[in-house]
C-alpha cells in the first residue's frame, strides 16, 4: 500500500486524521442471536485479535464486557433495551438518525484517558441485505472494522474482505498488514497527525517485503 492509501484509511470525511487502537484486552458479548452465531462472532474476534497480536480476556474490570454487538429487527429496539441508555447516553438522538438514513449497521467507540479504544458498540439491524450475508462474513467484517478506529469512509467503496472461490471471504492481505503494523509496540496507540500514516505505511511495506 502507498502512504496515500494508508492515509485515506484514517482520514475522516471532515478531512481530519484520526487513528486509535485498543488499549486494553477485548471482551466481546453478542446479543439478539442464537448460540451458534455467538460462537461465530467470538471466533472472528479471536482471529482478528490474534492477527493484531493483541489480547482478549474473560472480563473487563471497568465494564465487564467492552465490545458489545447487538442484533436488531428495528432501530426502535435500542430504546427498549434496559440500561443501554446508561452506556450510550446519545441513544435518543442516534435512533432517529439511523431510521432516517435507512442504515443497517452502526459502530460507536469509547476512549480512555490516553485516547485508546476502551469500548465499542456494534449495532446491526438485520434487514434483507444483512440476511443475505453469511454469519462468518458478517462477523469477520465487523470485527475488522472494530479492531481500529478507521475513517468513516474507509470501506465505503471496497470491502475489507475478498471473495475466495468455493469458500467464505477472507481478509484482504493489505488490510491485514495494516492491522498488524498498527499494533506493533513501537507504534503509538493514538494519532491525529497524518505523518503517522507514513510510519504505518513504511512498516506495512517492510512486512510485505519479508
C-alpha atoms as a PDB file:
ATOM      1  CA  UNK A   1       0.000   0.000   0.000  1.00  0.00           C
ATOM      2  CA  UNK A   2       1.177   3.530  -0.734  1.00  0.00           C
ATOM      3  CA  UNK A   3       1.359   6.148   2.043  1.00  0.00           C
ATOM      4  CA  UNK A   4      -1.642   7.810   0.385  1.00  0.00           C
ATOM      5  CA  UNK A   5      -3.620   4.574   0.610  1.00  0.00           C
ATOM      6  CA  UNK A   6      -2.869   4.240   4.322  1.00  0.00           C
ATOM      7  CA  UNK A   7      -3.603   7.922   4.968  1.00  0.00           C
ATOM      8  CA  UNK A   8      -7.026   7.534   3.342  1.00  0.00           C
ATOM      9  CA  UNK A   9      -7.917   4.680   5.711  1.00  0.00           C
ATOM     10  CA  UNK A  10      -7.785   7.054   8.683  1.00  0.00           C
ATOM     11  CA  UNK A  11      -8.786  10.397   7.150  1.00  0.00           C
ATOM     12  CA  UNK A  12     -12.363  11.203   8.045  1.00  0.00           C
ATOM     13  CA  UNK A  13     -14.957  12.856   5.841  1.00  0.00           C
ATOM     14  CA  UNK A  14     -14.281  16.206   7.558  1.00  0.00           C
ATOM     15  CA  UNK A  15     -10.626  15.981   6.488  1.00  0.00           C
ATOM     16  CA  UNK A  16      -9.213  15.216   9.938  1.00  0.00           C
ATOM     17  CA  UNK A  17      -6.789  12.355  10.581  1.00  0.00           C
ATOM     18  CA  UNK A  18      -7.825  10.111  13.473  1.00  0.00           C
ATOM     19  CA  UNK A  19      -6.255   6.799  14.470  1.00  0.00           C
ATOM     20  CA  UNK A  20      -6.700   4.741  17.620  1.00  0.00           C
ATOM     21  CA  UNK A  21      -6.263   1.113  18.644  1.00  0.00           C
ATOM     22  CA  UNK A  22      -7.460  -0.832  21.665  1.00  0.00           C
ATOM     23  CA  UNK A  23      -5.593  -0.063  24.863  1.00  0.00           C
ATOM     24  CA  UNK A  24      -6.958  -2.995  26.844  1.00  0.00           C
ATOM     25  CA  UNK A  25      -7.875  -6.661  26.252  1.00  0.00           C
ATOM     26  CA  UNK A  26     -11.086  -7.129  24.286  1.00  0.00           C
ATOM     27  CA  UNK A  27     -14.072  -8.802  25.942  1.00  0.00           C
ATOM     28  CA  UNK A  28     -16.871  -9.396  23.413  1.00  0.00           C
ATOM     29  CA  UNK A  29     -20.538 -10.130  24.117  1.00  0.00           C
ATOM     30  CA  UNK A  30     -23.235 -10.626  21.478  1.00  0.00           C
ATOM     31  CA  UNK A  31     -26.973 -10.032  21.952  1.00  0.00           C
ATOM     32  CA  UNK A  32     -30.005 -10.997  19.908  1.00  0.00           C
ATOM     33  CA  UNK A  33     -28.800 -14.157  18.151  1.00  0.00           C
ATOM     34  CA  UNK A  34     -28.538 -17.881  18.821  1.00  0.00           C
ATOM     35  CA  UNK A  35     -25.526 -19.543  20.438  1.00  0.00           C
ATOM     36  CA  UNK A  36     -24.245 -20.770  17.077  1.00  0.00           C
ATOM     37  CA  UNK A  37     -23.920 -17.225  15.746  1.00  0.00           C
ATOM     38  CA  UNK A  38     -22.395 -16.038  19.031  1.00  0.00           C
ATOM     39  CA  UNK A  39     -19.696 -18.684  18.613  1.00  0.00           C
ATOM     40  CA  UNK A  40     -19.020 -17.457  15.055  1.00  0.00           C
ATOM     41  CA  UNK A  41     -18.593 -13.869  16.239  1.00  0.00           C
ATOM     42  CA  UNK A  42     -16.322 -14.839  19.099  1.00  0.00           C
ATOM     43  CA  UNK A  43     -14.268 -16.940  16.698  1.00  0.00           C
ATOM     44  CA  UNK A  44     -13.913 -13.942  14.370  1.00  0.00           C
ATOM     45  CA  UNK A  45     -12.899 -11.785  17.332  1.00  0.00           C
ATOM     46  CA  UNK A  46     -10.207 -14.267  18.317  1.00  0.00           C
ATOM     47  CA  UNK A  47      -8.897 -14.439  14.751  1.00  0.00           C
ATOM     48  CA  UNK A  48      -8.626 -10.651  14.334  1.00  0.00           C
ATOM     49  CA  UNK A  49      -7.164 -10.123  17.816  1.00  0.00           C
ATOM     50  CA  UNK A  50      -4.582 -12.834  17.130  1.00  0.00           C
ATOM     51  CA  UNK A  51      -3.711 -11.155  13.824  1.00  0.00           C
ATOM     52  CA  UNK A  52      -3.109  -7.900  15.699  1.00  0.00           C
ATOM     53  CA  UNK A  53      -1.129  -9.732  18.412  1.00  0.00           C
ATOM     54  CA  UNK A  54      -3.432  -8.068  20.900  1.00  0.00           C
ATOM     55  CA  UNK A  55      -5.272  -9.811  23.770  1.00  0.00           C
ATOM     56  CA  UNK A  56      -8.723 -10.981  24.756  1.00  0.00           C
ATOM     57  CA  UNK A  57      -9.977 -11.516  28.304  1.00  0.00           C
ATOM     58  CA  UNK A  58     -12.886 -13.077  30.183  1.00  0.00           C
ATOM     59  CA  UNK A  59     -13.929  -9.776  31.747  1.00  0.00           C
ATOM     60  CA  UNK A  60     -13.096  -6.090  31.723  1.00  0.00           C
ATOM     61  CA  UNK A  61     -12.541  -4.733  35.263  1.00  0.00           C
ATOM     62  CA  UNK A  62     -14.374  -1.496  34.473  1.00  0.00           C
ATOM     63  CA  UNK A  63     -17.146  -2.526  32.095  1.00  0.00           C
ATOM     64  CA  UNK A  64     -17.437  -6.303  32.354  1.00  0.00           C
ATOM     65  CA  UNK A  65     -17.695  -6.588  28.563  1.00  0.00           C
ATOM     66  CA  UNK A  66     -16.207  -3.864  26.368  1.00  0.00           C
ATOM     67  CA  UNK A  67     -17.203  -4.981  22.857  1.00  0.00           C
ATOM     68  CA  UNK A  68     -20.965  -5.283  22.626  1.00  0.00           C
ATOM     69  CA  UNK A  69     -22.686  -6.461  19.436  1.00  0.00           C
ATOM     70  CA  UNK A  70     -26.463  -6.020  19.179  1.00  0.00           C
ATOM     71  CA  UNK A  71     -28.626  -7.694  16.522  1.00  0.00           C
ATOM     72  CA  UNK A  72     -31.947  -5.908  15.976  1.00  0.00           C
ATOM     73  CA  UNK A  73     -35.005  -6.154  13.746  1.00  0.00           C
ATOM     74  CA  UNK A  74     -35.770  -2.465  14.137  1.00  0.00           C
ATOM     75  CA  UNK A  75     -33.765   0.508  15.423  1.00  0.00           C
ATOM     76  CA  UNK A  76     -36.528   1.273  17.941  1.00  0.00           C
ATOM     77  CA  UNK A  77     -35.439  -1.840  19.852  1.00  0.00           C
ATOM     78  CA  UNK A  78     -32.390   0.091  21.036  1.00  0.00           C
ATOM     79  CA  UNK A  79     -34.529   2.439  23.116  1.00  0.00           C
ATOM     80  CA  UNK A  80     -36.303  -0.580  24.625  1.00  0.00           C
ATOM     81  CA  UNK A  81     -33.091  -2.314  25.761  1.00  0.00           C
ATOM     82  CA  UNK A  82     -32.822  -1.975  29.562  1.00  0.00           C
ATOM     83  CA  UNK A  83     -29.989   0.262  30.811  1.00  0.00           C
ATOM     84  CA  UNK A  84     -28.461   0.690  27.347  1.00  0.00           C
ATOM     85  CA  UNK A  85     -29.009   4.436  27.576  1.00  0.00           C
ATOM     86  CA  UNK A  86     -26.588   4.481  30.520  1.00  0.00           C
ATOM     87  CA  UNK A  87     -23.848   3.116  28.275  1.00  0.00           C
ATOM     88  CA  UNK A  88     -24.929   5.119  25.231  1.00  0.00           C
ATOM     89  CA  UNK A  89     -26.362   8.429  26.505  1.00  0.00           C
ATOM     90  CA  UNK A  90     -26.777   9.753  22.946  1.00  0.00           C
ATOM     91  CA  UNK A  91     -29.195   6.904  22.123  1.00  0.00           C
ATOM     92  CA  UNK A  92     -32.217   9.206  21.948  1.00  0.00           C
ATOM     93  CA  UNK A  93     -30.635  11.281  19.158  1.00  0.00           C
ATOM     94  CA  UNK A  94     -28.944   8.323  17.457  1.00  0.00           C
ATOM     95  CA  UNK A  95     -32.016   6.167  16.777  1.00  0.00           C
ATOM     96  CA  UNK A  96     -33.933   8.793  14.717  1.00  0.00           C
ATOM     97  CA  UNK A  97     -30.782   9.436  12.653  1.00  0.00           C
ATOM     98  CA  UNK A  98     -30.337   5.738  11.886  1.00  0.00           C
ATOM     99  CA  UNK A  99     -34.017   5.366  10.997  1.00  0.00           C
ATOM    100  CA  UNK A 100     -33.938   8.396   8.706  1.00  0.00           C
ATOM    101  CA  UNK A 101     -30.798   7.145   6.954  1.00  0.00           C
ATOM    102  CA  UNK A 102     -32.177   3.634   6.463  1.00  0.00           C
ATOM    103  CA  UNK A 103     -28.921   2.328   7.969  1.00  0.00           C
ATOM    104  CA  UNK A 104     -28.418  -1.339   8.758  1.00  0.00           C
ATOM    105  CA  UNK A 105     -25.273  -1.008  10.880  1.00  0.00           C
ATOM    106  CA  UNK A 106     -23.549   1.461  13.166  1.00  0.00           C
ATOM    107  CA  UNK A 107     -20.387   1.369  15.299  1.00  0.00           C
ATOM    108  CA  UNK A 108     -19.744   3.585  18.287  1.00  0.00           C
ATOM    109  CA  UNK A 109     -16.450   3.829  20.187  1.00  0.00           C
ATOM    110  CA  UNK A 110     -15.486   4.941  23.679  1.00  0.00           C
ATOM    111  CA  UNK A 111     -11.948   6.022  24.562  1.00  0.00           C
ATOM    112  CA  UNK A 112      -9.799   6.047  27.695  1.00  0.00           C
ATOM    113  CA  UNK A 113      -7.840   8.995  29.097  1.00  0.00           C
ATOM    114  CA  UNK A 114      -4.944   8.416  26.709  1.00  0.00           C
ATOM    115  CA  UNK A 115      -7.233   8.209  23.683  1.00  0.00           C
ATOM    116  CA  UNK A 116      -7.021   4.446  23.189  1.00  0.00           C
ATOM    117  CA  UNK A 117     -10.191   2.456  22.488  1.00  0.00           C
ATOM    118  CA  UNK A 118     -11.733   1.150  25.709  1.00  0.00           C
ATOM    119  CA  UNK A 119     -15.150   0.059  24.405  1.00  0.00           C
ATOM    120  CA  UNK A 120     -17.095  -0.380  21.188  1.00  0.00           C
ATOM    121  CA  UNK A 121     -20.781  -0.870  20.452  1.00  0.00           C
ATOM    122  CA  UNK A 122     -21.818  -2.536  17.196  1.00  0.00           C
ATOM    123  CA  UNK A 123     -25.491  -2.214  16.209  1.00  0.00           C
ATOM    124  CA  UNK A 124     -26.751  -4.397  13.348  1.00  0.00           C
ATOM    125  CA  UNK A 125     -30.292  -4.044  12.000  1.00  0.00           C
ATOM    126  CA  UNK A 126     -30.925  -7.403  10.400  1.00  0.00           C
ATOM    127  CA  UNK A 127     -32.522  -6.353   7.123  1.00  0.00           C
ATOM    128  CA  UNK A 128     -32.587  -8.244   3.804  1.00  0.00           C
ATOM    129  CA  UNK A 129     -29.079  -7.070   2.906  1.00  0.00           C
ATOM    130  CA  UNK A 130     -27.509  -8.378   6.100  1.00  0.00           C
ATOM    131  CA  UNK A 131     -29.623 -11.544   5.918  1.00  0.00           C
ATOM    132  CA  UNK A 132     -28.035 -12.284   2.533  1.00  0.00           C
ATOM    133  CA  UNK A 133     -24.567 -12.319   4.115  1.00  0.00           C
ATOM    134  CA  UNK A 134     -23.255 -15.410   5.917  1.00  0.00           C
ATOM    135  CA  UNK A 135     -22.629 -15.212   9.648  1.00  0.00           C
ATOM    136  CA  UNK A 136     -18.904 -15.822   9.052  1.00  0.00           C
ATOM    137  CA  UNK A 137     -18.638 -12.943   6.580  1.00  0.00           C
ATOM    138  CA  UNK A 138     -20.642 -10.560   8.745  1.00  0.00           C
ATOM    139  CA  UNK A 139     -18.672 -11.452  11.878  1.00  0.00           C
ATOM    140  CA  UNK A 140     -15.259 -11.067  10.262  1.00  0.00           C
ATOM    141  CA  UNK A 141     -16.211  -7.787   8.585  1.00  0.00           C
ATOM    142  CA  UNK A 142     -17.492  -6.275  11.825  1.00  0.00           C
ATOM    143  CA  UNK A 143     -14.510  -7.394  13.885  1.00  0.00           C
ATOM    144  CA  UNK A 144     -12.080  -5.961  11.325  1.00  0.00           C
ATOM    145  CA  UNK A 145     -13.937  -2.637  11.388  1.00  0.00           C
ATOM    146  CA  UNK A 146     -13.829  -2.599  15.197  1.00  0.00           C
ATOM    147  CA  UNK A 147     -10.184  -3.534  15.829  1.00  0.00           C
ATOM    148  CA  UNK A 148      -9.083   0.005  14.841  1.00  0.00           C
ATOM    149  CA  UNK A 149     -10.684   3.416  14.587  1.00  0.00           C
ATOM    150  CA  UNK A 150     -10.861   3.596  10.796  1.00  0.00           C
ATOM    151  CA  UNK A 151     -12.090   6.519   8.746  1.00  0.00           C
ATOM    152  CA  UNK A 152     -15.861   6.708   8.345  1.00  0.00           C
ATOM    153  CA  UNK A 153     -15.140   6.377   4.598  1.00  0.00           C
ATOM    154  CA  UNK A 154     -12.532   3.590   4.784  1.00  0.00           C
ATOM    155  CA  UNK A 155     -14.671   0.760   3.411  1.00  0.00           C
ATOM    156  CA  UNK A 156     -17.457   2.603   1.628  1.00  0.00           C
ATOM    157  CA  UNK A 157     -16.186   1.711  -1.839  1.00  0.00           C
ATOM    158  CA  UNK A 158     -14.329  -1.514  -1.118  1.00  0.00           C
ATOM    159  CA  UNK A 159     -14.928  -4.208   1.472  1.00  0.00           C
ATOM    160  CA  UNK A 160     -12.088  -5.193   3.818  1.00  0.00           C
ATOM    161  CA  UNK A 161     -12.790  -8.768   2.714  1.00  0.00           C
ATOM    162  CA  UNK A 162     -12.142 -10.509  -0.576  1.00  0.00           C
ATOM    163  CA  UNK A 163     -14.113 -13.401  -2.057  1.00  0.00           C
ATOM    164  CA  UNK A 164     -12.478 -16.806  -2.278  1.00  0.00           C
ATOM    165  CA  UNK A 165     -13.757 -19.260  -4.844  1.00  0.00           C
ATOM    166  CA  UNK A 166     -15.677 -22.047  -3.183  1.00  0.00           C
ATOM    167  CA  UNK A 167     -15.343 -20.661   0.329  1.00  0.00           C
ATOM    168  CA  UNK A 168     -16.013 -17.828   2.751  1.00  0.00           C
ATOM    169  CA  UNK A 169     -14.427 -14.416   2.055  1.00  0.00           C
ATOM    170  CA  UNK A 170     -11.151 -13.701   3.806  1.00  0.00           C
ATOM    171  CA  UNK A 171      -9.473 -10.516   4.972  1.00  0.00           C
ATOM    172  CA  UNK A 172      -7.679  -8.591   2.242  1.00  0.00           C
ATOM    173  CA  UNK A 173      -3.933  -9.004   2.670  1.00  0.00           C
ATOM    174  CA  UNK A 174      -3.174  -5.277   2.680  1.00  0.00           C
ATOM    175  CA  UNK A 175      -5.770  -4.615   5.407  1.00  0.00           C
ATOM    176  CA  UNK A 176      -4.337  -7.461   7.479  1.00  0.00           C
ATOM    177  CA  UNK A 177      -0.877  -5.908   7.130  1.00  0.00           C
ATOM    178  CA  UNK A 178      -2.174  -2.507   8.271  1.00  0.00           C
ATOM    179  CA  UNK A 179      -3.747  -4.086  11.362  1.00  0.00           C
ATOM    180  CA  UNK A 180      -0.554  -5.970  12.215  1.00  0.00           C
ATOM    181  CA  UNK A 181       1.596  -2.868  11.738  1.00  0.00           C
ATOM    182  CA  UNK A 182      -0.786  -0.649  13.739  1.00  0.00           C
ATOM    183  CA  UNK A 183      -0.469  -2.891  16.798  1.00  0.00           C
ATOM    184  CA  UNK A 184       3.303  -3.100  16.836  1.00  0.00           C
ATOM    185  CA  UNK A 185       4.583  -1.838  20.213  1.00  0.00           C
ATOM    186  CA  UNK A 186       6.752   0.849  18.591  1.00  0.00           C
ATOM    187  CA  UNK A 187       3.683   2.446  17.014  1.00  0.00           C
ATOM    188  CA  UNK A 188       1.550   4.914  19.004  1.00  0.00           C
ATOM    189  CA  UNK A 189      -1.838   3.931  20.380  1.00  0.00           C
ATOM    190  CA  UNK A 190      -3.363   7.207  19.202  1.00  0.00           C
ATOM    191  CA  UNK A 191      -2.511   9.625  16.387  1.00  0.00           C
ATOM    192  CA  UNK A 192      -4.053  12.762  14.902  1.00  0.00           C
ATOM    193  CA  UNK A 193      -1.184  13.737  12.608  1.00  0.00           C
ATOM    194  CA  UNK A 194      -1.075  12.316   9.054  1.00  0.00           C
ATOM    195  CA  UNK A 195       2.668  11.684   9.493  1.00  0.00           C
ATOM    196  CA  UNK A 196       1.541   8.626  11.468  1.00  0.00           C
ATOM    197  CA  UNK A 197       0.320   7.124   8.183  1.00  0.00           C
ATOM    198  CA  UNK A 198       3.820   7.447   6.713  1.00  0.00           C
ATOM    199  CA  UNK A 199       5.263   5.413   9.579  1.00  0.00           C
ATOM    200  CA  UNK A 200       2.465   2.895   9.277  1.00  0.00           C
ATOM    201  CA  UNK A 201       2.933   2.560   5.510  1.00  0.00           C
ATOM    202  CA  UNK A 202       6.668   2.021   5.989  1.00  0.00           C
ATOM    203  CA  UNK A 203       6.007  -0.870   8.374  1.00  0.00           C
ATOM    204  CA  UNK A 204       3.393  -2.340   6.038  1.00  0.00           C
ATOM    205  CA  UNK A 205       5.914  -2.192   3.194  1.00  0.00           C
ATOM    206  CA  UNK A 206       8.593  -3.806   5.354  1.00  0.00           C
ATOM    207  CA  UNK A 207       6.281  -6.650   6.274  1.00  0.00           C
ATOM    208  CA  UNK A 208       5.252  -7.179   2.652  1.00  0.00           C
ATOM    209  CA  UNK A 209       8.888  -7.446   1.547  1.00  0.00           C
ATOM    210  CA  UNK A 210       9.707 -10.170   4.095  1.00  0.00           C
END
